[in-house]
């Protein structure tokens, strides 16, 4: 078993970094380098990055979650700065900390194990709890319950189809709109019960995961935030700096793939007057890196992870 799997087994339930070794290698860590983890989560990746750094090396980790901020306090050392912010504020926050340019950036776009395993956060279909799903549970953004109870049927159809890729999105939206007429749907159990009539038998877990994914993406404006963050990576990374992004569903991976290949999310590559491609990154992984069968056996969340690595031109 490789070192990263040994480290994984020794992690606490809070820390479960996916593809740890691959992420660290992708960053090409240098002891005196300046790095950013835009998704601190449980701190698994950040803690391991810090182990490789020596002054003047420094790690800046972003997260908008109060639980993540409390966990980050355990990593307190001169080479570490925690930034309580959404990663869409990347350039602004790094400039404020006089931390530009940087040598590498890691983005693990999944929900942290801690968030999944905390019933009151509402991320997991395994527990009952409030329909929250906000990354910043102390913020004022709409929760999943707000979306379920206040969005129009047409809006629900859109997010279930676009963000959850649910095959019967129209029927699902109608089912929710009908169920909420008598009373508000505010809990995970309540939502499961409400949509039971259109949940495919034998495929309940996959279907519910798609529904929850759609609600989580909408509640946190995840796709727009990802686009904004990726666009800023070209501003904050030095030439030769590494961009390492791990996604967990096709919507995210498609954005990351297109941005690395074209410097944009849609359309064709822009070219200069001489016909040369004008792209900010060079892909170092032709196909996304996936977790080994051994890691997936230890951590089922690794099954859907796709890792892409690029170098700043």
C-alpha atoms as a PDB file:
ATOM      1  CA  UNK A   1       0.000   0.000   0.000  1.00  0.00           C
ATOM      2  CA  UNK A   2       1.394   3.415  -0.901  1.00  0.00           C
ATOM      3  CA  UNK A   3       2.172   6.174   1.583  1.00  0.00           C
ATOM      4  CA  UNK A   4      -0.958   8.204   0.816  1.00  0.00           C
ATOM      5  CA  UNK A   5      -3.197   5.253   1.664  1.00  0.00           C
ATOM      6  CA  UNK A   6      -1.331   4.693   4.921  1.00  0.00           C
ATOM      7  CA  UNK A   7      -1.826   8.362   5.740  1.00  0.00           C
ATOM      8  CA  UNK A   8      -5.492   8.073   4.837  1.00  0.00           C
ATOM      9  CA  UNK A   9      -6.009   5.183   7.223  1.00  0.00           C
ATOM     10  CA  UNK A  10      -4.381   7.183  10.010  1.00  0.00           C
ATOM     11  CA  UNK A  11      -6.591  10.211   9.449  1.00  0.00           C
ATOM     12  CA  UNK A  12      -9.414  11.065  11.803  1.00  0.00           C
ATOM     13  CA  UNK A  13     -13.013  10.888  10.650  1.00  0.00           C
ATOM     14  CA  UNK A  14     -12.844  14.635  10.046  1.00  0.00           C
ATOM     15  CA  UNK A  15      -9.870  14.397   7.653  1.00  0.00           C
ATOM     16  CA  UNK A  16     -10.327  12.238   4.580  1.00  0.00           C
ATOM     17  CA  UNK A  17      -8.308  13.774   1.770  1.00  0.00           C
ATOM     18  CA  UNK A  18      -8.967  12.191  -1.614  1.00  0.00           C
ATOM     19  CA  UNK A  19      -5.975  11.356  -3.867  1.00  0.00           C
ATOM     20  CA  UNK A  20      -3.583  12.953  -1.404  1.00  0.00           C
ATOM     21  CA  UNK A  21      -0.361  11.765  -3.042  1.00  0.00           C
ATOM     22  CA  UNK A  22      -1.537  12.725  -6.517  1.00  0.00           C
ATOM     23  CA  UNK A  23      -2.535  16.217  -5.361  1.00  0.00           C
ATOM     24  CA  UNK A  24       0.780  16.841  -3.613  1.00  0.00           C
ATOM     25  CA  UNK A  25       2.750  15.627  -6.624  1.00  0.00           C
ATOM     26  CA  UNK A  26       0.622  17.777  -8.901  1.00  0.00           C
ATOM     27  CA  UNK A  27       1.468  20.880  -6.887  1.00  0.00           C
ATOM     28  CA  UNK A  28       5.215  20.167  -7.283  1.00  0.00           C
ATOM     29  CA  UNK A  29       5.718  21.439  -3.743  1.00  0.00           C
ATOM     30  CA  UNK A  30       8.865  23.416  -2.954  1.00  0.00           C
ATOM     31  CA  UNK A  31       9.711  24.107   0.723  1.00  0.00           C
ATOM     32  CA  UNK A  32       9.945  27.869   0.194  1.00  0.00           C
ATOM     33  CA  UNK A  33       6.976  28.150  -2.170  1.00  0.00           C
ATOM     34  CA  UNK A  34       3.697  29.987  -1.754  1.00  0.00           C
ATOM     35  CA  UNK A  35       0.582  27.811  -2.101  1.00  0.00           C
ATOM     36  CA  UNK A  36      -3.181  28.122  -1.833  1.00  0.00           C
ATOM     37  CA  UNK A  37      -5.784  25.527  -0.861  1.00  0.00           C
ATOM     38  CA  UNK A  38      -9.058  27.177  -1.857  1.00  0.00           C
ATOM     39  CA  UNK A  39     -11.133  24.396  -0.240  1.00  0.00           C
ATOM     40  CA  UNK A  40      -9.813  23.793   3.282  1.00  0.00           C
ATOM     41  CA  UNK A  41     -12.758  21.582   4.318  1.00  0.00           C
ATOM     42  CA  UNK A  42     -11.483  19.250   7.021  1.00  0.00           C
ATOM     43  CA  UNK A  43      -7.905  20.354   6.444  1.00  0.00           C
ATOM     44  CA  UNK A  44      -6.610  17.016   5.205  1.00  0.00           C
ATOM     45  CA  UNK A  45      -4.844  18.355   2.133  1.00  0.00           C
ATOM     46  CA  UNK A  46      -3.741  21.568   3.861  1.00  0.00           C
ATOM     47  CA  UNK A  47      -2.116  19.696   6.741  1.00  0.00           C
ATOM     48  CA  UNK A  48      -0.047  17.602   4.342  1.00  0.00           C
ATOM     49  CA  UNK A  49       0.968  20.594   2.236  1.00  0.00           C
ATOM     50  CA  UNK A  50       2.187  22.338   5.382  1.00  0.00           C
ATOM     51  CA  UNK A  51       4.413  19.377   6.229  1.00  0.00           C
ATOM     52  CA  UNK A  52       6.431  20.161   3.080  1.00  0.00           C
ATOM     53  CA  UNK A  53       6.896  23.904   3.735  1.00  0.00           C
ATOM     54  CA  UNK A  54       9.636  25.811   5.509  1.00  0.00           C
ATOM     55  CA  UNK A  55       9.980  29.590   5.922  1.00  0.00           C
ATOM     56  CA  UNK A  56       9.562  31.610   3.755  1.00  0.00           C
ATOM     57  CA  UNK A  57       7.159  29.003   2.348  1.00  0.00           C
ATOM     58  CA  UNK A  58       3.511  29.705   3.121  1.00  0.00           C
ATOM     59  CA  UNK A  59       0.062  28.174   2.704  1.00  0.00           C
ATOM     60  CA  UNK A  60      -3.133  30.216   2.424  1.00  0.00           C
ATOM     61  CA  UNK A  61      -6.319  28.184   2.873  1.00  0.00           C
ATOM     62  CA  UNK A  62      -9.820  29.396   2.032  1.00  0.00           C
ATOM     63  CA  UNK A  63     -13.150  28.233   3.435  1.00  0.00           C
ATOM     64  CA  UNK A  64     -16.397  29.995   4.305  1.00  0.00           C
ATOM     65  CA  UNK A  65     -17.467  27.332   6.832  1.00  0.00           C
ATOM     66  CA  UNK A  66     -17.241  28.167  10.557  1.00  0.00           C
ATOM     67  CA  UNK A  67     -16.483  24.499  11.330  1.00  0.00           C
ATOM     68  CA  UNK A  68     -13.533  24.646   8.924  1.00  0.00           C
ATOM     69  CA  UNK A  69     -12.248  27.788  10.624  1.00  0.00           C
ATOM     70  CA  UNK A  70     -12.299  26.023  13.996  1.00  0.00           C
ATOM     71  CA  UNK A  71     -10.478  23.032  12.523  1.00  0.00           C
ATOM     72  CA  UNK A  72      -7.890  25.335  10.926  1.00  0.00           C
ATOM     73  CA  UNK A  73      -6.955  26.658  14.368  1.00  0.00           C
ATOM     74  CA  UNK A  74      -5.297  23.292  15.027  1.00  0.00           C
ATOM     75  CA  UNK A  75      -2.810  23.947  12.206  1.00  0.00           C
ATOM     76  CA  UNK A  76      -1.645  27.273  13.625  1.00  0.00           C
ATOM     77  CA  UNK A  77       1.976  27.960  12.655  1.00  0.00           C
ATOM     78  CA  UNK A  78       3.878  30.863  11.051  1.00  0.00           C
ATOM     79  CA  UNK A  79       3.684  29.294   7.579  1.00  0.00           C
ATOM     80  CA  UNK A  80      -0.144  29.057   7.594  1.00  0.00           C
ATOM     81  CA  UNK A  81      -2.928  31.590   7.082  1.00  0.00           C
ATOM     82  CA  UNK A  82      -6.629  30.685   7.103  1.00  0.00           C
ATOM     83  CA  UNK A  83      -8.924  32.982   5.112  1.00  0.00           C
ATOM     84  CA  UNK A  84     -12.628  32.818   6.013  1.00  0.00           C
ATOM     85  CA  UNK A  85     -14.003  33.541   2.565  1.00  0.00           C
ATOM     86  CA  UNK A  86     -15.578  32.023  -0.525  1.00  0.00           C
ATOM     87  CA  UNK A  87     -12.907  31.164  -3.078  1.00  0.00           C
ATOM     88  CA  UNK A  88     -14.558  33.483  -5.581  1.00  0.00           C
ATOM     89  CA  UNK A  89     -12.723  36.228  -3.630  1.00  0.00           C
ATOM     90  CA  UNK A  90      -9.373  34.597  -4.473  1.00  0.00           C
ATOM     91  CA  UNK A  91      -7.504  37.509  -6.101  1.00  0.00           C
ATOM     92  CA  UNK A  92      -8.883  40.127  -3.725  1.00  0.00           C
ATOM     93  CA  UNK A  93      -7.941  38.172  -0.597  1.00  0.00           C
ATOM     94  CA  UNK A  94      -4.458  37.184  -1.791  1.00  0.00           C
ATOM     95  CA  UNK A  95      -3.756  40.777  -2.753  1.00  0.00           C
ATOM     96  CA  UNK A  96      -4.935  41.896   0.689  1.00  0.00           C
ATOM     97  CA  UNK A  97      -2.494  39.456   2.280  1.00  0.00           C
ATOM     98  CA  UNK A  98       0.340  40.568  -0.032  1.00  0.00           C
ATOM     99  CA  UNK A  99       0.563  36.959  -1.254  1.00  0.00           C
ATOM    100  CA  UNK A 100       0.885  37.372  -5.021  1.00  0.00           C
ATOM    101  CA  UNK A 101       2.003  35.609  -7.116  1.00  0.00           C
ATOM    102  CA  UNK A 102       1.615  32.016  -5.906  1.00  0.00           C
ATOM    103  CA  UNK A 103       3.398  28.799  -6.918  1.00  0.00           C
ATOM    104  CA  UNK A 104       0.466  26.412  -6.789  1.00  0.00           C
ATOM    105  CA  UNK A 105      -3.262  26.198  -6.144  1.00  0.00           C
ATOM    106  CA  UNK A 106      -5.336  23.209  -5.055  1.00  0.00           C
ATOM    107  CA  UNK A 107      -9.125  23.028  -5.339  1.00  0.00           C
ATOM    108  CA  UNK A 108     -10.918  19.956  -3.987  1.00  0.00           C
ATOM    109  CA  UNK A 109     -14.467  20.734  -5.064  1.00  0.00           C
ATOM    110  CA  UNK A 110     -16.216  18.052  -3.019  1.00  0.00           C
ATOM    111  CA  UNK A 111     -18.192  18.473   0.180  1.00  0.00           C
ATOM    112  CA  UNK A 112     -15.959  17.628   3.162  1.00  0.00           C
ATOM    113  CA  UNK A 113     -16.416  14.343   4.997  1.00  0.00           C
ATOM    114  CA  UNK A 114     -17.290  16.308   8.130  1.00  0.00           C
ATOM    115  CA  UNK A 115     -20.089  18.157   6.354  1.00  0.00           C
ATOM    116  CA  UNK A 116     -21.480  14.915   4.949  1.00  0.00           C
ATOM    117  CA  UNK A 117     -21.289  13.234   8.353  1.00  0.00           C
ATOM    118  CA  UNK A 118     -22.983  16.046  10.306  1.00  0.00           C
ATOM    119  CA  UNK A 119     -26.776  15.496  10.098  1.00  0.00           C
ATOM    120  CA  UNK A 120     -27.716  19.075  10.948  1.00  0.00           C
ATOM    121  CA  UNK A 121     -25.840  20.351   7.883  1.00  0.00           C
ATOM    122  CA  UNK A 122     -28.321  18.535   5.633  1.00  0.00           C
ATOM    123  CA  UNK A 123     -25.813  17.386   2.984  1.00  0.00           C
ATOM    124  CA  UNK A 124     -26.290  13.639   3.297  1.00  0.00           C
ATOM    125  CA  UNK A 125     -29.235  11.444   2.362  1.00  0.00           C
ATOM    126  CA  UNK A 126     -28.161   9.004   5.105  1.00  0.00           C
ATOM    127  CA  UNK A 127     -29.552  11.022   8.000  1.00  0.00           C
ATOM    128  CA  UNK A 128     -32.603  13.042   8.858  1.00  0.00           C
ATOM    129  CA  UNK A 129     -32.016  16.694   9.595  1.00  0.00           C
ATOM    130  CA  UNK A 130     -32.866  20.167   8.339  1.00  0.00           C
ATOM    131  CA  UNK A 131     -32.703  20.852   4.594  1.00  0.00           C
ATOM    132  CA  UNK A 132     -29.817  23.301   4.795  1.00  0.00           C
ATOM    133  CA  UNK A 133     -26.867  22.369   2.500  1.00  0.00           C
ATOM    134  CA  UNK A 134     -25.214  25.791   2.718  1.00  0.00           C
ATOM    135  CA  UNK A 135     -21.414  25.745   2.859  1.00  0.00           C
ATOM    136  CA  UNK A 136     -21.667  28.803   5.119  1.00  0.00           C
ATOM    137  CA  UNK A 137     -24.433  27.776   7.499  1.00  0.00           C
ATOM    138  CA  UNK A 138     -24.164  31.139   9.261  1.00  0.00           C
ATOM    139  CA  UNK A 139     -24.734  33.093   6.063  1.00  0.00           C
ATOM    140  CA  UNK A 140     -27.914  34.587   4.670  1.00  0.00           C
ATOM    141  CA  UNK A 141     -28.075  32.704   1.369  1.00  0.00           C
ATOM    142  CA  UNK A 142     -31.090  30.563   0.561  1.00  0.00           C
ATOM    143  CA  UNK A 143     -31.034  27.081   2.084  1.00  0.00           C
ATOM    144  CA  UNK A 144     -32.177  23.926   0.326  1.00  0.00           C
ATOM    145  CA  UNK A 145     -35.468  24.250   2.224  1.00  0.00           C
ATOM    146  CA  UNK A 146     -35.949  27.764   0.864  1.00  0.00           C
ATOM    147  CA  UNK A 147     -35.370  26.456  -2.660  1.00  0.00           C
ATOM    148  CA  UNK A 148     -37.783  23.531  -2.242  1.00  0.00           C
ATOM    149  CA  UNK A 149     -40.540  25.679  -0.788  1.00  0.00           C
ATOM    150  CA  UNK A 150     -40.144  28.999  -2.609  1.00  0.00           C
ATOM    151  CA  UNK A 151     -38.883  28.268  -6.139  1.00  0.00           C
ATOM    152  CA  UNK A 152     -41.452  28.040  -8.873  1.00  0.00           C
ATOM    153  CA  UNK A 153     -42.121  24.674 -10.464  1.00  0.00           C
ATOM    154  CA  UNK A 154     -40.308  25.850 -13.606  1.00  0.00           C
ATOM    155  CA  UNK A 155     -37.247  26.875 -11.570  1.00  0.00           C
ATOM    156  CA  UNK A 156     -37.191  23.522  -9.786  1.00  0.00           C
ATOM    157  CA  UNK A 157     -37.426  21.761 -13.153  1.00  0.00           C
ATOM    158  CA  UNK A 158     -34.410  23.765 -14.342  1.00  0.00           C
ATOM    159  CA  UNK A 159     -32.123  23.012 -11.395  1.00  0.00           C
ATOM    160  CA  UNK A 160     -33.082  19.328 -11.132  1.00  0.00           C
ATOM    161  CA  UNK A 161     -32.409  18.851 -14.824  1.00  0.00           C
ATOM    162  CA  UNK A 162     -29.327  21.079 -15.152  1.00  0.00           C
ATOM    163  CA  UNK A 163     -27.518  20.499 -11.863  1.00  0.00           C
ATOM    164  CA  UNK A 164     -28.774  17.048 -10.893  1.00  0.00           C
ATOM    165  CA  UNK A 165     -29.128  15.657 -14.410  1.00  0.00           C
ATOM    166  CA  UNK A 166     -32.310  13.998 -13.161  1.00  0.00           C
ATOM    167  CA  UNK A 167     -34.057  12.182 -16.018  1.00  0.00           C
ATOM    168  CA  UNK A 168     -37.606  12.898 -14.786  1.00  0.00           C
ATOM    169  CA  UNK A 169     -36.862  16.459 -13.671  1.00  0.00           C
ATOM    170  CA  UNK A 170     -40.234  17.812 -14.845  1.00  0.00           C
ATOM    171  CA  UNK A 171     -42.169  15.143 -12.956  1.00  0.00           C
ATOM    172  CA  UNK A 172     -39.987  15.649  -9.893  1.00  0.00           C
ATOM    173  CA  UNK A 173     -40.589  19.415  -9.902  1.00  0.00           C
ATOM    174  CA  UNK A 174     -44.345  18.881 -10.199  1.00  0.00           C
ATOM    175  CA  UNK A 175     -44.279  16.333  -7.367  1.00  0.00           C
ATOM    176  CA  UNK A 176     -42.465  18.783  -5.082  1.00  0.00           C
ATOM    177  CA  UNK A 177     -44.772  21.660  -6.010  1.00  0.00           C
ATOM    178  CA  UNK A 178     -47.805  19.504  -5.230  1.00  0.00           C
ATOM    179  CA  UNK A 179     -46.427  18.134  -1.946  1.00  0.00           C
ATOM    180  CA  UNK A 180     -45.565  21.552  -0.508  1.00  0.00           C
ATOM    181  CA  UNK A 181     -49.071  22.959  -0.942  1.00  0.00           C
ATOM    182  CA  UNK A 182     -50.298  21.446   2.302  1.00  0.00           C
ATOM    183  CA  UNK A 183     -47.219  22.195   4.387  1.00  0.00           C
ATOM    184  CA  UNK A 184     -43.598  23.275   4.023  1.00  0.00           C
ATOM    185  CA  UNK A 185     -40.919  20.644   3.385  1.00  0.00           C
ATOM    186  CA  UNK A 186     -38.134  21.416   5.835  1.00  0.00           C
ATOM    187  CA  UNK A 187     -36.380  18.116   6.616  1.00  0.00           C
ATOM    188  CA  UNK A 188     -34.496  15.447   4.694  1.00  0.00           C
ATOM    189  CA  UNK A 189     -37.053  12.839   5.722  1.00  0.00           C
ATOM    190  CA  UNK A 190     -39.857  15.139   4.598  1.00  0.00           C
ATOM    191  CA  UNK A 191     -38.268  15.612   1.177  1.00  0.00           C
ATOM    192  CA  UNK A 192     -37.656  11.886   0.731  1.00  0.00           C
ATOM    193  CA  UNK A 193     -41.296  11.178   1.574  1.00  0.00           C
ATOM    194  CA  UNK A 194     -42.560  13.920  -0.736  1.00  0.00           C
ATOM    195  CA  UNK A 195     -40.631  12.660  -3.765  1.00  0.00           C
ATOM    196  CA  UNK A 196     -41.059   8.935  -3.079  1.00  0.00           C
ATOM    197  CA  UNK A 197     -43.699   8.597  -5.850  1.00  0.00           C
ATOM    198  CA  UNK A 198     -41.151   9.536  -8.541  1.00  0.00           C
ATOM    199  CA  UNK A 199     -38.060   7.897  -7.012  1.00  0.00           C
ATOM    200  CA  UNK A 200     -37.066   4.866  -9.148  1.00  0.00           C
ATOM    201  CA  UNK A 201     -37.192   1.588  -7.243  1.00  0.00           C
ATOM    202  CA  UNK A 202     -33.830  -0.073  -6.873  1.00  0.00           C
ATOM    203  CA  UNK A 203     -32.050   3.190  -7.711  1.00  0.00           C
ATOM    204  CA  UNK A 204     -33.088   5.234  -4.697  1.00  0.00           C
ATOM    205  CA  UNK A 205     -29.573   6.124  -3.507  1.00  0.00           C
ATOM    206  CA  UNK A 206     -28.355   7.348  -6.885  1.00  0.00           C
ATOM    207  CA  UNK A 207     -31.545   9.313  -7.516  1.00  0.00           C
ATOM    208  CA  UNK A 208     -31.506  11.011  -4.123  1.00  0.00           C
ATOM    209  CA  UNK A 209     -27.821  11.853  -4.587  1.00  0.00           C
ATOM    210  CA  UNK A 210     -28.688  13.615  -7.864  1.00  0.00           C
ATOM    211  CA  UNK A 211     -31.533  15.553  -6.225  1.00  0.00           C
ATOM    212  CA  UNK A 212     -29.337  16.606  -3.317  1.00  0.00           C
ATOM    213  CA  UNK A 213     -26.521  17.583  -5.664  1.00  0.00           C
ATOM    214  CA  UNK A 214     -28.862  19.883  -7.568  1.00  0.00           C
ATOM    215  CA  UNK A 215     -30.092  21.566  -4.395  1.00  0.00           C
ATOM    216  CA  UNK A 216     -26.564  21.963  -2.986  1.00  0.00           C
ATOM    217  CA  UNK A 217     -25.211  23.488  -6.199  1.00  0.00           C
ATOM    218  CA  UNK A 218     -28.088  25.972  -6.334  1.00  0.00           C
ATOM    219  CA  UNK A 219     -27.927  26.848  -2.633  1.00  0.00           C
ATOM    220  CA  UNK A 220     -24.213  27.672  -2.872  1.00  0.00           C
ATOM    221  CA  UNK A 221     -24.166  29.103  -6.409  1.00  0.00           C
ATOM    222  CA  UNK A 222     -21.376  26.606  -6.997  1.00  0.00           C
ATOM    223  CA  UNK A 223     -21.048  26.736 -10.770  1.00  0.00           C
ATOM    224  CA  UNK A 224     -20.756  30.527 -10.944  1.00  0.00           C
ATOM    225  CA  UNK A 225     -18.321  30.524  -8.016  1.00  0.00           C
ATOM    226  CA  UNK A 226     -16.182  27.879  -9.743  1.00  0.00           C
ATOM    227  CA  UNK A 227     -16.057  29.859 -12.994  1.00  0.00           C
ATOM    228  CA  UNK A 228     -15.062  33.031 -11.144  1.00  0.00           C
ATOM    229  CA  UNK A 229     -12.344  31.231  -9.169  1.00  0.00           C
ATOM    230  CA  UNK A 230     -10.864  29.507 -12.227  1.00  0.00           C
ATOM    231  CA  UNK A 231     -10.688  32.777 -14.154  1.00  0.00           C
ATOM    232  CA  UNK A 232      -8.710  34.307 -11.286  1.00  0.00           C
ATOM    233  CA  UNK A 233      -6.174  31.459 -11.193  1.00  0.00           C
ATOM    234  CA  UNK A 234      -4.572  32.857 -14.342  1.00  0.00           C
ATOM    235  CA  UNK A 235      -4.048  36.146 -12.463  1.00  0.00           C
ATOM    236  CA  UNK A 236      -2.628  34.748  -9.243  1.00  0.00           C
ATOM    237  CA  UNK A 237      -0.307  31.939 -10.435  1.00  0.00           C
ATOM    238  CA  UNK A 238       3.232  32.732 -11.537  1.00  0.00           C
ATOM    239  CA  UNK A 239       4.472  31.326 -14.885  1.00  0.00           C
ATOM    240  CA  UNK A 240       5.143  27.639 -14.281  1.00  0.00           C
ATOM    241  CA  UNK A 241       2.831  27.601 -11.258  1.00  0.00           C
ATOM    242  CA  UNK A 242       0.570  24.587 -10.842  1.00  0.00           C
ATOM    243  CA  UNK A 243      -3.208  24.418 -10.961  1.00  0.00           C
ATOM    244  CA  UNK A 244      -4.597  21.230  -9.362  1.00  0.00           C
ATOM    245  CA  UNK A 245      -8.374  20.756  -9.418  1.00  0.00           C
ATOM    246  CA  UNK A 246     -10.379  17.748  -8.238  1.00  0.00           C
ATOM    247  CA  UNK A 247     -14.047  17.559  -9.218  1.00  0.00           C
ATOM    248  CA  UNK A 248     -16.781  15.078  -8.377  1.00  0.00           C
ATOM    249  CA  UNK A 249     -19.371  15.420 -11.112  1.00  0.00           C
ATOM    250  CA  UNK A 250     -19.390  15.991 -14.855  1.00  0.00           C
ATOM    251  CA  UNK A 251     -20.624  19.595 -14.677  1.00  0.00           C
ATOM    252  CA  UNK A 252     -17.578  20.690 -12.678  1.00  0.00           C
ATOM    253  CA  UNK A 253     -15.124  18.540 -14.607  1.00  0.00           C
ATOM    254  CA  UNK A 254     -16.344  19.924 -17.939  1.00  0.00           C
ATOM    255  CA  UNK A 255     -15.754  23.505 -16.775  1.00  0.00           C
ATOM    256  CA  UNK A 256     -12.276  22.658 -15.491  1.00  0.00           C
ATOM    257  CA  UNK A 257     -11.360  20.723 -18.635  1.00  0.00           C
ATOM    258  CA  UNK A 258     -12.510  23.515 -20.961  1.00  0.00           C
ATOM    259  CA  UNK A 259     -10.807  26.242 -18.945  1.00  0.00           C
ATOM    260  CA  UNK A 260      -7.472  24.439 -18.931  1.00  0.00           C
ATOM    261  CA  UNK A 261      -7.689  23.601 -22.635  1.00  0.00           C
ATOM    262  CA  UNK A 262      -9.115  26.887 -23.936  1.00  0.00           C
ATOM    263  CA  UNK A 263      -8.824  29.511 -21.226  1.00  0.00           C
ATOM    264  CA  UNK A 264     -12.628  29.808 -21.393  1.00  0.00           C
ATOM    265  CA  UNK A 265     -15.654  27.694 -20.575  1.00  0.00           C
ATOM    266  CA  UNK A 266     -17.480  27.695 -23.882  1.00  0.00           C
ATOM    267  CA  UNK A 267     -16.633  28.183 -27.541  1.00  0.00           C
ATOM    268  CA  UNK A 268     -13.352  27.818 -29.380  1.00  0.00           C
ATOM    269  CA  UNK A 269      -9.796  28.688 -28.397  1.00  0.00           C
ATOM    270  CA  UNK A 270      -8.892  32.318 -28.976  1.00  0.00           C
ATOM    271  CA  UNK A 271      -5.931  32.884 -31.305  1.00  0.00           C
ATOM    272  CA  UNK A 272      -3.640  35.833 -31.988  1.00  0.00           C
ATOM    273  CA  UNK A 273      -3.010  37.482 -35.368  1.00  0.00           C
ATOM    274  CA  UNK A 274      -0.524  34.740 -36.262  1.00  0.00           C
ATOM    275  CA  UNK A 275      -2.945  31.923 -35.521  1.00  0.00           C
ATOM    276  CA  UNK A 276      -1.267  30.914 -32.269  1.00  0.00           C
ATOM    277  CA  UNK A 277      -3.488  29.701 -29.462  1.00  0.00           C
ATOM    278  CA  UNK A 278      -3.819  32.164 -26.627  1.00  0.00           C
ATOM    279  CA  UNK A 279      -4.341  29.975 -23.563  1.00  0.00           C
ATOM    280  CA  UNK A 280      -3.154  30.635 -20.004  1.00  0.00           C
ATOM    281  CA  UNK A 281      -2.463  27.000 -19.076  1.00  0.00           C
ATOM    282  CA  UNK A 282      -0.834  23.860 -20.387  1.00  0.00           C
ATOM    283  CA  UNK A 283      -2.567  20.629 -19.386  1.00  0.00           C
ATOM    284  CA  UNK A 284      -0.221  18.172 -17.666  1.00  0.00           C
ATOM    285  CA  UNK A 285      -2.870  15.437 -17.523  1.00  0.00           C
ATOM    286  CA  UNK A 286      -4.336  14.417 -20.882  1.00  0.00           C
ATOM    287  CA  UNK A 287      -7.111  12.537 -19.112  1.00  0.00           C
ATOM    288  CA  UNK A 288      -8.288  13.135 -15.550  1.00  0.00           C
ATOM    289  CA  UNK A 289      -6.471  11.163 -12.869  1.00  0.00           C
ATOM    290  CA  UNK A 290      -8.755   8.798 -10.939  1.00  0.00           C
ATOM    291  CA  UNK A 291      -8.388   7.153  -7.537  1.00  0.00           C
ATOM    292  CA  UNK A 292      -6.959   3.658  -7.304  1.00  0.00           C
ATOM    293  CA  UNK A 293      -9.224   0.702  -6.461  1.00  0.00           C
ATOM    294  CA  UNK A 294      -7.406   0.461  -3.113  1.00  0.00           C
ATOM    295  CA  UNK A 295      -8.263   4.040  -2.181  1.00  0.00           C
ATOM    296  CA  UNK A 296     -11.863   3.663  -3.327  1.00  0.00           C
ATOM    297  CA  UNK A 297     -12.167   0.618  -1.059  1.00  0.00           C
ATOM    298  CA  UNK A 298     -11.071   2.806   1.861  1.00  0.00           C
ATOM    299  CA  UNK A 299     -13.049   5.900   0.876  1.00  0.00           C
ATOM    300  CA  UNK A 300     -16.110   5.508  -1.327  1.00  0.00           C
ATOM    301  CA  UNK A 301     -16.186   9.267  -1.995  1.00  0.00           C
ATOM    302  CA  UNK A 302     -13.027   8.859  -4.075  1.00  0.00           C
ATOM    303  CA  UNK A 303     -14.939   6.833  -6.671  1.00  0.00           C
ATOM    304  CA  UNK A 304     -16.286   9.853  -8.541  1.00  0.00           C
ATOM    305  CA  UNK A 305     -13.217  12.093  -8.144  1.00  0.00           C
ATOM    306  CA  UNK A 306     -11.439  13.360 -11.256  1.00  0.00           C
ATOM    307  CA  UNK A 307      -8.152  15.233 -10.886  1.00  0.00           C
ATOM    308  CA  UNK A 308      -6.779  17.609 -13.532  1.00  0.00           C
ATOM    309  CA  UNK A 309      -3.370  19.290 -13.335  1.00  0.00           C
ATOM    310  CA  UNK A 310      -2.061  22.209 -15.387  1.00  0.00           C
ATOM    311  CA  UNK A 311       0.933  24.549 -15.530  1.00  0.00           C
ATOM    312  CA  UNK A 312       0.612  28.315 -15.978  1.00  0.00           C
ATOM    313  CA  UNK A 313       2.066  29.537 -19.280  1.00  0.00           C
END
